């Protein structure tokens, strides 16, 4: 899981950015906006991860020692 911070001028703009992110990643959070300190706009934090279907599975192979392959 990774964390993303959206910084936008309004909650509506943050909603649009989150909607675009949801098309690519699995998203948790995003249910609360925080006002920017010393400025205008909002911050929103999301927890994201790659969908299971897109997860990369690593497999090591040893050409020099085939008996070690799993």
C-alpha atoms as a PDB file:
ATOM      1  CA  UNK A   1       0.000   0.000   0.000  1.00  0.00           C
ATOM      2  CA  UNK A   2       1.116   3.496  -0.765  1.00  0.00           C
ATOM      3  CA  UNK A   3      -0.213   6.850   0.333  1.00  0.00           C
ATOM      4  CA  UNK A   4      -1.164   9.705  -2.009  1.00  0.00           C
ATOM      5  CA  UNK A   5      -1.871  13.294  -1.021  1.00  0.00           C
ATOM      6  CA  UNK A   6      -4.203  15.286  -3.281  1.00  0.00           C
ATOM      7  CA  UNK A   7      -3.876  19.063  -3.016  1.00  0.00           C
ATOM      8  CA  UNK A   8      -6.722  20.860  -4.776  1.00  0.00           C
ATOM      9  CA  UNK A   9      -8.496  24.212  -4.849  1.00  0.00           C
ATOM     10  CA  UNK A  10     -11.833  22.665  -3.836  1.00  0.00           C
ATOM     11  CA  UNK A  11     -13.456  19.427  -2.710  1.00  0.00           C
ATOM     12  CA  UNK A  12     -15.006  19.070  -6.164  1.00  0.00           C
ATOM     13  CA  UNK A  13     -11.578  19.218  -7.807  1.00  0.00           C
ATOM     14  CA  UNK A  14     -10.256  16.635  -5.322  1.00  0.00           C
ATOM     15  CA  UNK A  15     -13.259  14.419  -6.199  1.00  0.00           C
ATOM     16  CA  UNK A  16     -12.339  14.632  -9.898  1.00  0.00           C
ATOM     17  CA  UNK A  17      -8.706  13.733  -9.214  1.00  0.00           C
ATOM     18  CA  UNK A  18      -9.756  10.821  -6.993  1.00  0.00           C
ATOM     19  CA  UNK A  19     -12.177   9.571  -9.675  1.00  0.00           C
ATOM     20  CA  UNK A  20      -9.306   9.473 -12.186  1.00  0.00           C
ATOM     21  CA  UNK A  21      -7.065   7.584  -9.739  1.00  0.00           C
ATOM     22  CA  UNK A  22      -9.819   5.023  -9.022  1.00  0.00           C
ATOM     23  CA  UNK A  23      -9.824   3.994 -12.699  1.00  0.00           C
ATOM     24  CA  UNK A  24      -6.264   2.654 -12.320  1.00  0.00           C
ATOM     25  CA  UNK A  25      -5.693   1.814  -8.638  1.00  0.00           C
ATOM     26  CA  UNK A  26      -7.600   0.341  -5.710  1.00  0.00           C
ATOM     27  CA  UNK A  27      -8.303   3.234  -3.342  1.00  0.00           C
ATOM     28  CA  UNK A  28      -9.139   3.416   0.363  1.00  0.00           C
ATOM     29  CA  UNK A  29      -9.832   6.579   2.295  1.00  0.00           C
ATOM     30  CA  UNK A  30     -10.621   9.927   0.751  1.00  0.00           C
ATOM     31  CA  UNK A  31     -13.657  10.462   2.937  1.00  0.00           C
ATOM     32  CA  UNK A  32     -12.310  13.606   4.592  1.00  0.00           C
ATOM     33  CA  UNK A  33     -10.766  16.848   3.345  1.00  0.00           C
ATOM     34  CA  UNK A  34      -8.359  18.935   5.392  1.00  0.00           C
ATOM     35  CA  UNK A  35      -8.004  22.706   4.880  1.00  0.00           C
ATOM     36  CA  UNK A  36      -4.633  23.910   3.617  1.00  0.00           C
ATOM     37  CA  UNK A  37      -2.568  25.770   6.159  1.00  0.00           C
ATOM     38  CA  UNK A  38      -1.815  29.390   5.272  1.00  0.00           C
ATOM     39  CA  UNK A  39      -3.638  29.170   1.973  1.00  0.00           C
ATOM     40  CA  UNK A  40      -6.682  28.196   0.009  1.00  0.00           C
ATOM     41  CA  UNK A  41      -7.812  24.740  -0.956  1.00  0.00           C
ATOM     42  CA  UNK A  42      -7.945  21.293   0.574  1.00  0.00           C
ATOM     43  CA  UNK A  43      -5.759  18.223   1.103  1.00  0.00           C
ATOM     44  CA  UNK A  44      -7.051  14.678   0.849  1.00  0.00           C
ATOM     45  CA  UNK A  45      -5.137  11.511   1.679  1.00  0.00           C
ATOM     46  CA  UNK A  46      -5.676   8.172  -0.069  1.00  0.00           C
ATOM     47  CA  UNK A  47      -4.255   4.706   0.469  1.00  0.00           C
ATOM     48  CA  UNK A  48      -3.700   3.048  -2.911  1.00  0.00           C
ATOM     49  CA  UNK A  49      -2.477  -0.258  -4.291  1.00  0.00           C
ATOM     50  CA  UNK A  50      -2.361  -2.044  -7.613  1.00  0.00           C
ATOM     51  CA  UNK A  51      -5.373  -4.276  -8.295  1.00  0.00           C
ATOM     52  CA  UNK A  52      -4.602  -7.984  -7.814  1.00  0.00           C
ATOM     53  CA  UNK A  53      -4.974  -8.657 -11.543  1.00  0.00           C
ATOM     54  CA  UNK A  54      -2.170  -6.160 -12.265  1.00  0.00           C
ATOM     55  CA  UNK A  55       0.191  -7.256  -9.508  1.00  0.00           C
ATOM     56  CA  UNK A  56       3.612  -8.269 -10.746  1.00  0.00           C
ATOM     57  CA  UNK A  57       4.743 -11.714  -9.627  1.00  0.00           C
ATOM     58  CA  UNK A  58       8.513 -12.159  -9.510  1.00  0.00           C
ATOM     59  CA  UNK A  59      10.170 -15.486 -10.172  1.00  0.00           C
ATOM     60  CA  UNK A  60      13.870 -16.138  -9.914  1.00  0.00           C
ATOM     61  CA  UNK A  61      15.602 -18.607 -12.191  1.00  0.00           C
ATOM     62  CA  UNK A  62      19.140 -19.917 -12.124  1.00  0.00           C
ATOM     63  CA  UNK A  63      20.456 -20.926 -15.510  1.00  0.00           C
ATOM     64  CA  UNK A  64      23.698 -22.182 -14.016  1.00  0.00           C
ATOM     65  CA  UNK A  65      21.950 -24.381 -11.358  1.00  0.00           C
ATOM     66  CA  UNK A  66      18.626 -25.755 -12.642  1.00  0.00           C
ATOM     67  CA  UNK A  67      18.164 -27.886  -9.501  1.00  0.00           C
ATOM     68  CA  UNK A  68      17.500 -24.658  -7.542  1.00  0.00           C
ATOM     69  CA  UNK A  69      14.534 -23.627  -9.695  1.00  0.00           C
ATOM     70  CA  UNK A  70      11.182 -23.877  -8.008  1.00  0.00           C
END
